[in-house]
Amino acid sequence: MPYLETSQEWMKQSSLLLQARPTTTIITTKYSILGLKNSKIQKRKRKQDGKDGSATASASAAAGTASNPATITLKTWDPLSGACLKYQTNKAAEVGRLISALGKLARTMAALPEIPGGKSSQ
């Protein structure tokens, strides 16, 4: 299953797949933080070893979170046709935009008409 290059490409292809097969297409999201357990263990060890300064502990904690990025993976899958579209990102600013895009795709899945202007009336 190859990953699509851009979120716009994933959105367009997913929309087309949902229009073709709205009842069988499945959209899943997966959010993961890589190496979370290891970083917790390392933080505990640092606290026990170096209780001399809080500045060093906060600097090492910041370095630990930067090396372990969080990722969100979006997958649109149709079991009848076997089509699978995947997109993965670790950019925090893009996550909110992708979650709101899922709302637009859900309207298609629920057989609701598109809202003119792209705004929700809720």
PDB file of N, CA and C in Angstrom:
ATOM      1  N   MET A   1       0.828  -1.171   0.000  1.00  0.00           N
ATOM      2  CA  MET A   1       0.000   0.000   0.000  1.00  0.00           C
ATOM      3  C   MET A   1       0.877   1.240   0.000  1.00  0.00           C
ATOM      4  N   PRO A   2       0.993   1.895  -1.102  1.00  0.00           N
ATOM      5  CA  PRO A   2       1.821   3.103  -1.153  1.00  0.00           C
ATOM      6  C   PRO A   2       1.102   4.291  -0.516  1.00  0.00           C
ATOM      7  N   TYR A   3       1.893   5.203   0.026  1.00  0.00           N
ATOM      8  CA  TYR A   3       1.365   6.429   0.609  1.00  0.00           C
ATOM      9  C   TYR A   3       1.272   7.499  -0.472  1.00  0.00           C
ATOM     10  N   LEU A   4       0.224   8.312  -0.421  1.00  0.00           N
ATOM     11  CA  LEU A   4       0.084   9.430  -1.345  1.00  0.00           C
ATOM     12  C   LEU A   4       1.007  10.557  -0.895  1.00  0.00           C
ATOM     13  N   GLU A   5       1.427  11.383  -1.835  1.00  0.00           N
ATOM     14  CA  GLU A   5       2.421  12.429  -1.564  1.00  0.00           C
ATOM     15  C   GLU A   5       1.863  13.599  -0.756  1.00  0.00           C
ATOM     16  N   THR A   6       0.662  14.076  -1.097  1.00  0.00           N
ATOM     17  CA  THR A   6       0.113  15.264  -0.439  1.00  0.00           C
ATOM     18  C   THR A   6      -1.261  14.971   0.142  1.00  0.00           C
ATOM     19  N   SER A   7      -1.658  15.798   1.104  1.00  0.00           N
ATOM     20  CA  SER A   7      -2.979  15.629   1.708  1.00  0.00           C
ATOM     21  C   SER A   7      -4.085  15.973   0.716  1.00  0.00           C
ATOM     22  N   GLN A   8      -3.827  16.925  -0.181  1.00  0.00           N
ATOM     23  CA  GLN A   8      -4.822  17.276  -1.187  1.00  0.00           C
ATOM     24  C   GLN A   8      -5.083  16.097  -2.126  1.00  0.00           C
ATOM     25  N   GLU A   9      -4.029  15.386  -2.473  1.00  0.00           N
ATOM     26  CA  GLU A   9      -4.170  14.215  -3.343  1.00  0.00           C
ATOM     27  C   GLU A   9      -4.984  13.130  -2.638  1.00  0.00           C
ATOM     28  N   TRP A  10      -4.709  12.906  -1.342  1.00  0.00           N
ATOM     29  CA  TRP A  10      -5.464  11.915  -0.575  1.00  0.00           C
ATOM     30  C   TRP A  10      -6.934  12.311  -0.506  1.00  0.00           C
ATOM     31  N   MET A  11      -7.194  13.600  -0.249  1.00  0.00           N
ATOM     32  CA  MET A  11      -8.566  14.095  -0.139  1.00  0.00           C
ATOM     33  C   MET A  11      -9.324  13.908  -1.455  1.00  0.00           C
ATOM     34  N   LYS A  12      -8.697  14.255  -2.565  1.00  0.00           N
ATOM     35  CA  LYS A  12      -9.352  14.150  -3.873  1.00  0.00           C
ATOM     36  C   LYS A  12      -9.646  12.690  -4.219  1.00  0.00           C
ATOM     37  N   GLN A  13      -8.646  11.819  -4.056  1.00  0.00           N
ATOM     38  CA  GLN A  13      -8.827  10.407  -4.391  1.00  0.00           C
ATOM     39  C   GLN A  13      -9.842   9.739  -3.460  1.00  0.00           C
ATOM     40  N   SER A  14      -9.825  10.108  -2.180  1.00  0.00           N
ATOM     41  CA  SER A  14     -10.788   9.546  -1.231  1.00  0.00           C
ATOM     42  C   SER A  14     -12.202   9.985  -1.572  1.00  0.00           C
ATOM     43  N   SER A  15     -12.347  11.240  -1.962  1.00  0.00           N
ATOM     44  CA  SER A  15     -13.662  11.750  -2.349  1.00  0.00           C
ATOM     45  C   SER A  15     -14.200  10.994  -3.562  1.00  0.00           C
ATOM     46  N   LEU A  16     -13.338  10.748  -4.535  1.00  0.00           N
ATOM     47  CA  LEU A  16     -13.761   9.995  -5.722  1.00  0.00           C
ATOM     48  C   LEU A  16     -14.150   8.562  -5.363  1.00  0.00           C
ATOM     49  N   LEU A  17     -13.387   7.935  -4.484  1.00  0.00           N
ATOM     50  CA  LEU A  17     -13.691   6.570  -4.065  1.00  0.00           C
ATOM     51  C   LEU A  17     -15.009   6.523  -3.298  1.00  0.00           C
ATOM     52  N   LEU A  18     -15.250   7.520  -2.447  1.00  0.00           N
ATOM     53  CA  LEU A  18     -16.498   7.564  -1.693  1.00  0.00           C
ATOM     54  C   LEU A  18     -17.703   7.832  -2.592  1.00  0.00           C
ATOM     55  N   GLN A  19     -17.515   8.633  -3.622  1.00  0.00           N
ATOM     56  CA  GLN A  19     -18.617   8.873  -4.550  1.00  0.00           C
ATOM     57  C   GLN A  19     -18.951   7.606  -5.331  1.00  0.00           C
ATOM     58  N   ALA A  20     -17.942   6.816  -5.645  1.00  0.00           N
ATOM     59  CA  ALA A  20     -18.161   5.580  -6.391  1.00  0.00           C
ATOM     60  C   ALA A  20     -18.782   4.492  -5.515  1.00  0.00           C
ATOM     61  N   ARG A  21     -18.332   4.365  -4.272  1.00  0.00           N
ATOM     62  CA  ARG A  21     -18.807   3.306  -3.377  1.00  0.00           C
ATOM     63  C   ARG A  21     -19.012   3.852  -1.959  1.00  0.00           C
ATOM     64  N   PRO A  22     -20.079   4.615  -1.722  1.00  0.00           N
ATOM     65  CA  PRO A  22     -20.261   5.237  -0.408  1.00  0.00           C
ATOM     66  C   PRO A  22     -20.633   4.262   0.706  1.00  0.00           C
ATOM     67  N   THR A  23     -21.224   3.126   0.384  1.00  0.00           N
ATOM     68  CA  THR A  23     -21.675   2.217   1.438  1.00  0.00           C
ATOM     69  C   THR A  23     -20.601   1.245   1.901  1.00  0.00           C
ATOM     70  N   THR A  24     -19.605   0.972   1.085  1.00  0.00           N
ATOM     71  CA  THR A  24     -18.601  -0.020   1.472  1.00  0.00           C
ATOM     72  C   THR A  24     -17.245   0.581   1.824  1.00  0.00           C
ATOM     73  N   THR A  25     -17.015   1.833   1.477  1.00  0.00           N
ATOM     74  CA  THR A  25     -15.714   2.455   1.726  1.00  0.00           C
ATOM     75  C   THR A  25     -15.552   2.772   3.208  1.00  0.00           C
ATOM     76  N   ILE A  26     -14.361   2.514   3.717  1.00  0.00           N
ATOM     77  CA  ILE A  26     -14.044   2.719   5.130  1.00  0.00           C
ATOM     78  C   ILE A  26     -12.894   3.714   5.234  1.00  0.00           C
ATOM     79  N   ILE A  27     -13.030   4.681   6.162  1.00  0.00           N
ATOM     80  CA  ILE A  27     -11.942   5.624   6.438  1.00  0.00           C
ATOM     81  C   ILE A  27     -11.485   5.383   7.869  1.00  0.00           C
ATOM     82  N   THR A  28     -10.193   5.171   8.047  1.00  0.00           N
ATOM     83  CA  THR A  28      -9.645   4.987   9.388  1.00  0.00           C
ATOM     84  C   THR A  28      -8.552   6.011   9.636  1.00  0.00           C
ATOM     85  N   THR A  29      -8.413   6.399  10.900  1.00  0.00           N
ATOM     86  CA  THR A  29      -7.324   7.286  11.310  1.00  0.00           C
ATOM     87  C   THR A  29      -6.539   6.584  12.405  1.00  0.00           C
ATOM     88  N   LYS A  30      -5.245   6.776  12.386  1.00  0.00           N
ATOM     89  CA  LYS A  30      -4.368   6.168  13.391  1.00  0.00           C
ATOM     90  C   LYS A  30      -3.380   7.231  13.841  1.00  0.00           C
ATOM     91  N   TYR A  31      -3.349   7.483  15.127  1.00  0.00           N
ATOM     92  CA  TYR A  31      -2.452   8.475  15.697  1.00  0.00           C
ATOM     93  C   TYR A  31      -1.450   7.740  16.569  1.00  0.00           C
ATOM     94  N   SER A  32      -0.178   8.026  16.381  1.00  0.00           N
ATOM     95  CA  SER A  32       0.821   7.328  17.186  1.00  0.00           C
ATOM     96  C   SER A  32       1.960   8.266  17.552  1.00  0.00           C
ATOM     97  N   ILE A  33       2.488   8.029  18.729  1.00  0.00           N
ATOM     98  CA  ILE A  33       3.672   8.744  19.189  1.00  0.00           C
ATOM     99  C   ILE A  33       4.784   7.709  19.248  1.00  0.00           C
ATOM    100  N   LEU A  34       5.789   7.888  18.436  1.00  0.00           N
ATOM    101  CA  LEU A  34       6.845   6.897  18.311  1.00  0.00           C
ATOM    102  C   LEU A  34       7.771   6.914  19.525  1.00  0.00           C
ATOM    103  N   GLY A  35       8.037   5.758  20.066  1.00  0.00           N
ATOM    104  CA  GLY A  35       9.000   5.626  21.152  1.00  0.00           C
ATOM    105  C   GLY A  35       8.554   6.216  22.467  1.00  0.00           C
ATOM    106  N   LEU A  36       7.254   6.245  22.748  1.00  0.00           N
ATOM    107  CA  LEU A  36       6.760   6.856  23.968  1.00  0.00           C
ATOM    108  C   LEU A  36       7.217   6.092  25.207  1.00  0.00           C
ATOM    109  N   LYS A  37       7.148   4.779  25.181  1.00  0.00           N
ATOM    110  CA  LYS A  37       7.522   3.996  26.356  1.00  0.00           C
ATOM    111  C   LYS A  37       8.998   4.163  26.682  1.00  0.00           C
ATOM    112  N   ASN A  38       9.831   4.160  25.664  1.00  0.00           N
ATOM    113  CA  ASN A  38      11.254   4.322  25.912  1.00  0.00           C
ATOM    114  C   ASN A  38      11.570   5.688  26.492  1.00  0.00           C
ATOM    115  N   SER A  39      10.896   6.726  26.022  1.00  0.00           N
ATOM    116  CA  SER A  39      11.188   8.061  26.526  1.00  0.00           C
ATOM    117  C   SER A  39      10.721   8.213  27.967  1.00  0.00           C
ATOM    118  N   LYS A  40       9.629   7.545  28.362  1.00  0.00           N
ATOM    119  CA  LYS A  40       9.184   7.601  29.752  1.00  0.00           C
ATOM    120  C   LYS A  40      10.213   6.952  30.674  1.00  0.00           C
ATOM    121  N   ILE A  41      10.742   5.840  30.235  1.00  0.00           N
ATOM    122  CA  ILE A  41      11.754   5.151  31.034  1.00  0.00           C
ATOM    123  C   ILE A  41      12.997   6.011  31.163  1.00  0.00           C
ATOM    124  N   GLN A  42      13.402   6.634  30.069  1.00  0.00           N
ATOM    125  CA  GLN A  42      14.590   7.483  30.099  1.00  0.00           C
ATOM    126  C   GLN A  42      14.381   8.692  30.999  1.00  0.00           C
ATOM    127  N   LYS A  43      13.191   9.278  31.012  1.00  0.00           N
ATOM    128  CA  LYS A  43      12.916  10.429  31.871  1.00  0.00           C
ATOM    129  C   LYS A  43      12.997  10.040  33.343  1.00  0.00           C
ATOM    130  N   ARG A  44      12.466   8.859  33.684  1.00  0.00           N
ATOM    131  CA  ARG A  44      12.543   8.398  35.070  1.00  0.00           C
ATOM    132  C   ARG A  44      13.988   8.207  35.508  1.00  0.00           C
ATOM    133  N   LYS A  45      14.798   7.630  34.624  1.00  0.00           N
ATOM    134  CA  LYS A  45      16.212   7.421  34.954  1.00  0.00           C
ATOM    135  C   LYS A  45      16.927   8.745  35.147  1.00  0.00           C
ATOM    136  N   ARG A  46      16.620   9.728  34.297  1.00  0.00           N
ATOM    137  CA  ARG A  46      17.256  11.041  34.427  1.00  0.00           C
ATOM    138  C   ARG A  46      16.864  11.720  35.727  1.00  0.00           C
ATOM    139  N   LYS A  47      15.592  11.552  36.141  1.00  0.00           N
ATOM    140  CA  LYS A  47      15.147  12.150  37.397  1.00  0.00           C
ATOM    141  C   LYS A  47      15.887  11.535  38.578  1.00  0.00           C
ATOM    142  N   GLN A  48      16.039  10.219  38.547  1.00  0.00           N
ATOM    143  CA  GLN A  48      16.703   9.535  39.645  1.00  0.00           C
ATOM    144  C   GLN A  48      18.192   9.834  39.680  1.00  0.00           C
ATOM    145  N   ASP A  49      18.821   9.917  38.511  1.00  0.00           N
ATOM    146  CA  ASP A  49      20.262  10.153  38.441  1.00  0.00           C
ATOM    147  C   ASP A  49      20.640  11.599  38.738  1.00  0.00           C
ATOM    148  N   GLY A  50      19.925  12.543  38.191  1.00  0.00           N
ATOM    149  CA  GLY A  50      20.333  13.938  38.327  1.00  0.00           C
ATOM    150  C   GLY A  50      19.286  14.801  38.969  1.00  0.00           C
ATOM    151  N   LYS A  51      19.161  14.732  40.284  1.00  0.00           N
ATOM    152  CA  LYS A  51      18.212  15.577  40.997  1.00  0.00           C
ATOM    153  C   LYS A  51      18.844  16.903  41.390  1.00  0.00           C
ATOM    154  N   ASP A  52      19.989  17.213  40.778  1.00  0.00           N
ATOM    155  CA  ASP A  52      20.713  18.421  41.153  1.00  0.00           C
ATOM    156  C   ASP A  52      20.171  19.669  40.473  1.00  0.00           C
ATOM    157  N   GLY A  53      19.615  19.603  39.261  1.00  0.00           N
ATOM    158  CA  GLY A  53      19.152  20.815  38.578  1.00  0.00           C
ATOM    159  C   GLY A  53      17.939  20.546  37.716  1.00  0.00           C
ATOM    160  N   SER A  54      16.960  21.445  37.812  1.00  0.00           N
ATOM    161  CA  SER A  54      15.752  21.263  37.007  1.00  0.00           C
ATOM    162  C   SER A  54      15.945  21.761  35.581  1.00  0.00           C
ATOM    163  N   ALA A  55      16.922  22.635  35.350  1.00  0.00           N
ATOM    164  CA  ALA A  55      17.159  23.162  34.001  1.00  0.00           C
ATOM    165  C   ALA A  55      17.639  22.057  33.069  1.00  0.00           C
ATOM    166  N   THR A  56      18.494  21.174  33.578  1.00  0.00           N
ATOM    167  CA  THR A  56      18.988  20.077  32.740  1.00  0.00           C
ATOM    168  C   THR A  56      17.874  19.077  32.463  1.00  0.00           C
ATOM    169  N   ALA A  57      17.012  18.848  33.422  1.00  0.00           N
ATOM    170  CA  ALA A  57      15.924  17.896  33.219  1.00  0.00           C
ATOM    171  C   ALA A  57      14.935  18.407  32.179  1.00  0.00           C
ATOM    172  N   SER A  58      14.621  19.710  32.238  1.00  0.00           N
ATOM    173  CA  SER A  58      13.670  20.245  31.261  1.00  0.00           C
ATOM    174  C   SER A  58      14.277  20.286  29.860  1.00  0.00           C
ATOM    175  N   ALA A  59      15.574  20.551  29.757  1.00  0.00           N
ATOM    176  CA  ALA A  59      16.230  20.567  28.448  1.00  0.00           C
ATOM    177  C   ALA A  59      16.274  19.163  27.850  1.00  0.00           C
ATOM    178  N   SER A  60      16.544  18.166  28.678  1.00  0.00           N
ATOM    179  CA  SER A  60      16.589  16.799  28.164  1.00  0.00           C
ATOM    180  C   SER A  60      15.192  16.297  27.810  1.00  0.00           C
ATOM    181  N   ALA A  61      14.173  16.737  28.539  1.00  0.00           N
ATOM    182  CA  ALA A  61      12.803  16.346  28.216  1.00  0.00           C
ATOM    183  C   ALA A  61      12.370  16.954  26.888  1.00  0.00           C
ATOM    184  N   ALA A  62      12.760  18.194  26.643  1.00  0.00           N
ATOM    185  CA  ALA A  62      12.424  18.841  25.371  1.00  0.00           C
ATOM    186  C   ALA A  62      13.135  18.152  24.216  1.00  0.00           C
ATOM    187  N   ALA A  63      14.365  17.736  24.429  1.00  0.00           N
ATOM    188  CA  ALA A  63      15.101  17.029  23.385  1.00  0.00           C
ATOM    189  C   ALA A  63      14.474  15.663  23.113  1.00  0.00           C
ATOM    190  N   GLY A  64      13.930  15.015  24.137  1.00  0.00           N
ATOM    191  CA  GLY A  64      13.298  13.716  23.965  1.00  0.00           C
ATOM    192  C   GLY A  64      12.033  13.790  23.142  1.00  0.00           C
ATOM    193  N   THR A  65      11.223  14.848  23.330  1.00  0.00           N
ATOM    194  CA  THR A  65       9.994  14.965  22.557  1.00  0.00           C
ATOM    195  C   THR A  65      10.273  15.353  21.118  1.00  0.00           C
ATOM    196  N   ALA A  66      11.353  16.084  20.874  1.00  0.00           N
ATOM    197  CA  ALA A  66      11.668  16.476  19.498  1.00  0.00           C
ATOM    198  C   ALA A  66      12.142  15.279  18.680  1.00  0.00           C
ATOM    199  N   SER A  67      12.789  14.319  19.323  1.00  0.00           N
ATOM    200  CA  SER A  67      13.295  13.171  18.588  1.00  0.00           C
ATOM    201  C   SER A  67      12.219  12.103  18.348  1.00  0.00           C
ATOM    202  N   ASN A  68      11.093  12.198  19.052  1.00  0.00           N
ATOM    203  CA  ASN A  68      10.008  11.227  18.903  1.00  0.00           C
ATOM    204  C   ASN A  68       8.771  11.922  18.346  1.00  0.00           C
ATOM    205  N   PRO A  69       8.661  12.071  17.027  1.00  0.00           N
ATOM    206  CA  PRO A  69       7.519  12.799  16.478  1.00  0.00           C
ATOM    207  C   PRO A  69       6.232  11.975  16.534  1.00  0.00           C
ATOM    208  N   ALA A  70       5.125  12.672  16.654  1.00  0.00           N
ATOM    209  CA  ALA A  70       3.819  12.036  16.578  1.00  0.00           C
ATOM    210  C   ALA A  70       3.384  12.028  15.118  1.00  0.00           C
ATOM    211  N   THR A  71       2.715  10.969  14.712  1.00  0.00           N
ATOM    212  CA  THR A  71       2.253  10.870  13.327  1.00  0.00           C
ATOM    213  C   THR A  71       0.769  10.534  13.301  1.00  0.00           C
ATOM    214  N   ILE A  72       0.102  10.998  12.257  1.00  0.00           N
ATOM    215  CA  ILE A  72      -1.287  10.618  12.000  1.00  0.00           C
ATOM    216  C   ILE A  72      -1.323   9.974  10.615  1.00  0.00           C
ATOM    217  N   THR A  73      -1.981   8.838  10.541  1.00  0.00           N
ATOM    218  CA  THR A  73      -2.110   8.108   9.282  1.00  0.00           C
ATOM    219  C   THR A  73      -3.586   8.004   8.938  1.00  0.00           C
ATOM    220  N   LEU A  74      -3.938   8.413   7.734  1.00  0.00           N
ATOM    221  CA  LEU A  74      -5.308   8.320   7.236  1.00  0.00           C
ATOM    222  C   LEU A  74      -5.359   7.260   6.148  1.00  0.00           C
ATOM    223  N   LYS A  75      -6.359   6.396   6.227  1.00  0.00           N
ATOM    224  CA  LYS A  75      -6.473   5.321   5.244  1.00  0.00           C
ATOM    225  C   LYS A  75      -7.911   5.239   4.761  1.00  0.00           C
ATOM    226  N   THR A  76      -8.094   5.279   3.458  1.00  0.00           N
ATOM    227  CA  THR A  76      -9.400   5.081   2.829  1.00  0.00           C
ATOM    228  C   THR A  76      -9.328   3.751   2.093  1.00  0.00           C
ATOM    229  N   TRP A  77     -10.261   2.849   2.424  1.00  0.00           N
ATOM    230  CA  TRP A  77     -10.173   1.486   1.907  1.00  0.00           C
ATOM    231  C   TRP A  77     -11.550   1.003   1.474  1.00  0.00           C
ATOM    232  N   ASP A  78     -11.599   0.373   0.323  1.00  0.00           N
ATOM    233  CA  ASP A  78     -12.825  -0.250  -0.169  1.00  0.00           C
ATOM    234  C   ASP A  78     -12.564  -1.741  -0.339  1.00  0.00           C
ATOM    235  N   PRO A  79     -13.191  -2.584   0.482  1.00  0.00           N
ATOM    236  CA  PRO A  79     -12.914  -4.021   0.400  1.00  0.00           C
ATOM    237  C   PRO A  79     -13.403  -4.675  -0.892  1.00  0.00           C
ATOM    238  N   LEU A  80     -14.429  -4.122  -1.527  1.00  0.00           N
ATOM    239  CA  LEU A  80     -14.934  -4.737  -2.761  1.00  0.00           C
ATOM    240  C   LEU A  80     -13.984  -4.547  -3.932  1.00  0.00           C
ATOM    241  N   SER A  81     -13.478  -3.340  -4.093  1.00  0.00           N
ATOM    242  CA  SER A  81     -12.568  -3.084  -5.218  1.00  0.00           C
ATOM    243  C   SER A  81     -11.109  -3.329  -4.843  1.00  0.00           C
ATOM    244  N   GLY A  82     -10.812  -3.339  -3.556  1.00  0.00           N
ATOM    245  CA  GLY A  82      -9.434  -3.526  -3.113  1.00  0.00           C
ATOM    246  C   GLY A  82      -8.610  -2.253  -3.138  1.00  0.00           C
ATOM    247  N   ALA A  83      -9.244  -1.116  -3.401  1.00  0.00           N
ATOM    248  CA  ALA A  83      -8.524   0.163  -3.452  1.00  0.00           C
ATOM    249  C   ALA A  83      -8.177   0.619  -2.038  1.00  0.00           C
ATOM    250  N   CYS A  84      -6.940   1.045  -1.855  1.00  0.00           N
ATOM    251  CA  CYS A  84      -6.476   1.517  -0.557  1.00  0.00           C
ATOM    252  C   CYS A  84      -5.645   2.780  -0.764  1.00  0.00           C
ATOM    253  N   LEU A  85      -6.049   3.862  -0.108  1.00  0.00           N
ATOM    254  CA  LEU A  85      -5.352   5.144  -0.203  1.00  0.00           C
ATOM    255  C   LEU A  85      -4.847   5.510   1.184  1.00  0.00           C
ATOM    256  N   LYS A  86      -3.550   5.786   1.306  1.00  0.00           N
ATOM    257  CA  LYS A  86      -2.977   6.113   2.608  1.00  0.00           C
ATOM    258  C   LYS A  86      -2.215   7.430   2.531  1.00  0.00           C
ATOM    259  N   TYR A  87      -2.279   8.175   3.637  1.00  0.00           N
ATOM    260  CA  TYR A  87      -1.508   9.409   3.764  1.00  0.00           C
ATOM    261  C   TYR A  87      -1.037   9.512   5.206  1.00  0.00           C
ATOM    262  N   GLN A  88       0.217   9.873   5.397  1.00  0.00           N
ATOM    263  CA  GLN A  88       0.795   9.988   6.741  1.00  0.00           C
ATOM    264  C   GLN A  88       1.534  11.314   6.856  1.00  0.00           C
ATOM    265  N   THR A  89       1.375  11.972   8.021  1.00  0.00           N
ATOM    266  CA  THR A  89       2.074  13.228   8.256  1.00  0.00           C
ATOM    267  C   THR A  89       2.466  13.340   9.724  1.00  0.00           C
ATOM    268  N   ASN A  90       3.487  14.152   9.984  1.00  0.00           N
ATOM    269  CA  ASN A  90       3.874  14.462  11.356  1.00  0.00           C
ATOM    270  C   ASN A  90       3.843  15.973  11.594  1.00  0.00           C
ATOM    271  N   LYS A  91       3.197  16.711  10.695  1.00  0.00           N
ATOM    272  CA  LYS A  91       3.078  18.162  10.823  1.00  0.00           C
ATOM    273  C   LYS A  91       1.842  18.495  11.650  1.00  0.00           C
ATOM    274  N   ALA A  92       2.045  19.174  12.767  1.00  0.00           N
ATOM    275  CA  ALA A  92       0.948  19.476  13.682  1.00  0.00           C
ATOM    276  C   ALA A  92      -0.096  20.388  13.049  1.00  0.00           C
ATOM    277  N   ALA A  93       0.324  21.346  12.244  1.00  0.00           N
ATOM    278  CA  ALA A  93      -0.618  22.283  11.636  1.00  0.00           C
ATOM    279  C   ALA A  93      -1.536  21.598  10.632  1.00  0.00           C
ATOM    280  N   GLU A  94      -1.088  20.522  10.050  1.00  0.00           N
ATOM    281  CA  GLU A  94      -1.868  19.829   9.030  1.00  0.00           C
ATOM    282  C   GLU A  94      -2.933  18.911   9.635  1.00  0.00           C
ATOM    283  N   VAL A  95      -2.747  18.506  10.885  1.00  0.00           N
ATOM    284  CA  VAL A  95      -3.667  17.555  11.506  1.00  0.00           C
ATOM    285  C   VAL A  95      -5.074  18.135  11.618  1.00  0.00           C
ATOM    286  N   GLY A  96      -5.200  19.380  12.072  1.00  0.00           N
ATOM    287  CA  GLY A  96      -6.512  20.009  12.201  1.00  0.00           C
ATOM    288  C   GLY A  96      -7.231  20.124  10.873  1.00  0.00           C
ATOM    289  N   ARG A  97      -6.488  20.464   9.852  1.00  0.00           N
ATOM    290  CA  ARG A  97      -7.069  20.583   8.518  1.00  0.00           C
ATOM    291  C   ARG A  97      -7.560  19.221   8.018  1.00  0.00           C
ATOM    292  N   LEU A  98      -6.808  18.179   8.305  1.00  0.00           N
ATOM    293  CA  LEU A  98      -7.207  16.839   7.868  1.00  0.00           C
ATOM    294  C   LEU A  98      -8.443  16.345   8.617  1.00  0.00           C
ATOM    295  N   ILE A  99      -8.530  16.651   9.904  1.00  0.00           N
ATOM    296  CA  ILE A  99      -9.693  16.231  10.685  1.00  0.00           C
ATOM    297  C   ILE A  99     -10.953  16.929  10.172  1.00  0.00           C
ATOM    298  N   SER A 100     -10.847  18.217   9.840  1.00  0.00           N
ATOM    299  CA  SER A 100     -12.018  18.910   9.285  1.00  0.00           C
ATOM    300  C   SER A 100     -12.372  18.368   7.900  1.00  0.00           C
ATOM    301  N   ALA A 101     -11.381  17.925   7.153  1.00  0.00           N
ATOM    302  CA  ALA A 101     -11.643  17.327   5.842  1.00  0.00           C
ATOM    303  C   ALA A 101     -12.403  16.012   5.982  1.00  0.00           C
ATOM    304  N   LEU A 102     -12.189  15.305   7.085  1.00  0.00           N
ATOM    305  CA  LEU A 102     -12.926  14.063   7.310  1.00  0.00           C
ATOM    306  C   LEU A 102     -14.424  14.332   7.424  1.00  0.00           C
ATOM    307  N   GLY A 103     -14.792  15.497   7.960  1.00  0.00           N
ATOM    308  CA  GLY A 103     -16.206  15.863   8.049  1.00  0.00           C
ATOM    309  C   GLY A 103     -16.844  16.001   6.679  1.00  0.00           C
ATOM    310  N   LYS A 104     -16.115  16.577   5.741  1.00  0.00           N
ATOM    311  CA  LYS A 104     -16.627  16.710   4.373  1.00  0.00           C
ATOM    312  C   LYS A 104     -16.807  15.339   3.731  1.00  0.00           C
ATOM    313  N   LEU A 105     -15.850  14.458   3.970  1.00  0.00           N
ATOM    314  CA  LEU A 105     -15.951  13.113   3.398  1.00  0.00           C
ATOM    315  C   LEU A 105     -17.086  12.320   4.045  1.00  0.00           C
ATOM    316  N   ALA A 106     -17.348  12.571   5.322  1.00  0.00           N
ATOM    317  CA  ALA A 106     -18.414  11.852   6.019  1.00  0.00           C
ATOM    318  C   ALA A 106     -19.783  12.207   5.453  1.00  0.00           C
ATOM    319  N   ARG A 107     -19.950  13.429   4.977  1.00  0.00           N
ATOM    320  CA  ARG A 107     -21.223  13.814   4.354  1.00  0.00           C
ATOM    321  C   ARG A 107     -21.493  12.939   3.132  1.00  0.00           C
ATOM    322  N   THR A 108     -20.461  12.659   2.366  1.00  0.00           N
ATOM    323  CA  THR A 108     -20.615  11.806   1.191  1.00  0.00           C
ATOM    324  C   THR A 108     -20.982  10.386   1.616  1.00  0.00           C
ATOM    325  N   MET A 109     -20.346   9.890   2.680  1.00  0.00           N
ATOM    326  CA  MET A 109     -20.634   8.541   3.165  1.00  0.00           C
ATOM    327  C   MET A 109     -22.067   8.423   3.669  1.00  0.00           C
ATOM    328  N   ALA A 110     -22.589   9.495   4.256  1.00  0.00           N
ATOM    329  CA  ALA A 110     -23.944   9.484   4.800  1.00  0.00           C
ATOM    330  C   ALA A 110     -24.997   9.829   3.752  1.00  0.00           C
ATOM    331  N   ALA A 111     -24.580  10.009   2.507  1.00  0.00           N
ATOM    332  CA  ALA A 111     -25.466  10.355   1.392  1.00  0.00           C
ATOM    333  C   ALA A 111     -26.154  11.694   1.610  1.00  0.00           C
ATOM    334  N   LEU A 112     -25.456  12.629   2.258  1.00  0.00           N
ATOM    335  CA  LEU A 112     -25.971  13.981   2.445  1.00  0.00           C
ATOM    336  C   LEU A 112     -25.440  14.875   1.338  1.00  0.00           C
ATOM    337  N   PRO A 113     -26.211  15.881   0.940  1.00  0.00           N
ATOM    338  CA  PRO A 113     -25.713  16.784  -0.103  1.00  0.00           C
ATOM    339  C   PRO A 113     -24.595  17.673   0.427  1.00  0.00           C
ATOM    340  N   GLU A 114     -23.737  18.115  -0.486  1.00  0.00           N
ATOM    341  CA  GLU A 114     -22.662  19.024  -0.097  1.00  0.00           C
ATOM    342  C   GLU A 114     -23.241  20.385   0.242  1.00  0.00           C
ATOM    343  N   ILE A 115     -22.637  21.056   1.223  1.00  0.00           N
ATOM    344  CA  ILE A 115     -23.083  22.387   1.623  1.00  0.00           C
ATOM    345  C   ILE A 115     -22.424  23.411   0.715  1.00  0.00           C
ATOM    346  N   PRO A 116     -23.207  24.300   0.087  1.00  0.00           N
ATOM    347  CA  PRO A 116     -22.592  25.320  -0.769  1.00  0.00           C
ATOM    348  C   PRO A 116     -21.722  26.262   0.058  1.00  0.00           C
ATOM    349  N   GLY A 117     -20.558  26.585  -0.441  1.00  0.00           N
ATOM    350  CA  GLY A 117     -19.638  27.481   0.253  1.00  0.00           C
ATOM    351  C   GLY A 117     -18.700  26.760   1.187  1.00  0.00           C
ATOM    352  N   GLY A 118     -18.921  25.478   1.427  1.00  0.00           N
ATOM    353  CA  GLY A 118     -18.006  24.692   2.233  1.00  0.00           C
ATOM    354  C   GLY A 118     -18.119  24.907   3.727  1.00  0.00           C
ATOM    355  N   LYS A 119     -19.085  25.716   4.205  1.00  0.00           N
ATOM    356  CA  LYS A 119     -19.243  25.975   5.635  1.00  0.00           C
ATOM    357  C   LYS A 119     -20.361  25.107   6.184  1.00  0.00           C
ATOM    358  N   SER A 120     -20.211  24.711   7.439  1.00  0.00           N
ATOM    359  CA  SER A 120     -21.226  23.918   8.109  1.00  0.00           C
ATOM    360  C   SER A 120     -22.234  24.849   8.772  1.00  0.00           C
ATOM    361  N   SER A 121     -23.506  24.482   8.774  1.00  0.00           N
ATOM    362  CA  SER A 121     -24.542  25.329   9.364  1.00  0.00           C
ATOM    363  C   SER A 121     -24.754  25.037  10.836  1.00  0.00           C
ATOM    364  N   GLN A 122     -23.979  24.169  11.422  1.00  0.00           N
ATOM    365  CA  GLN A 122     -24.161  23.784  12.817  1.00  0.00           C
ATOM    366  C   GLN A 122     -23.534  24.763  13.748  1.00  0.00           C
TER     367      GLN A 122
END
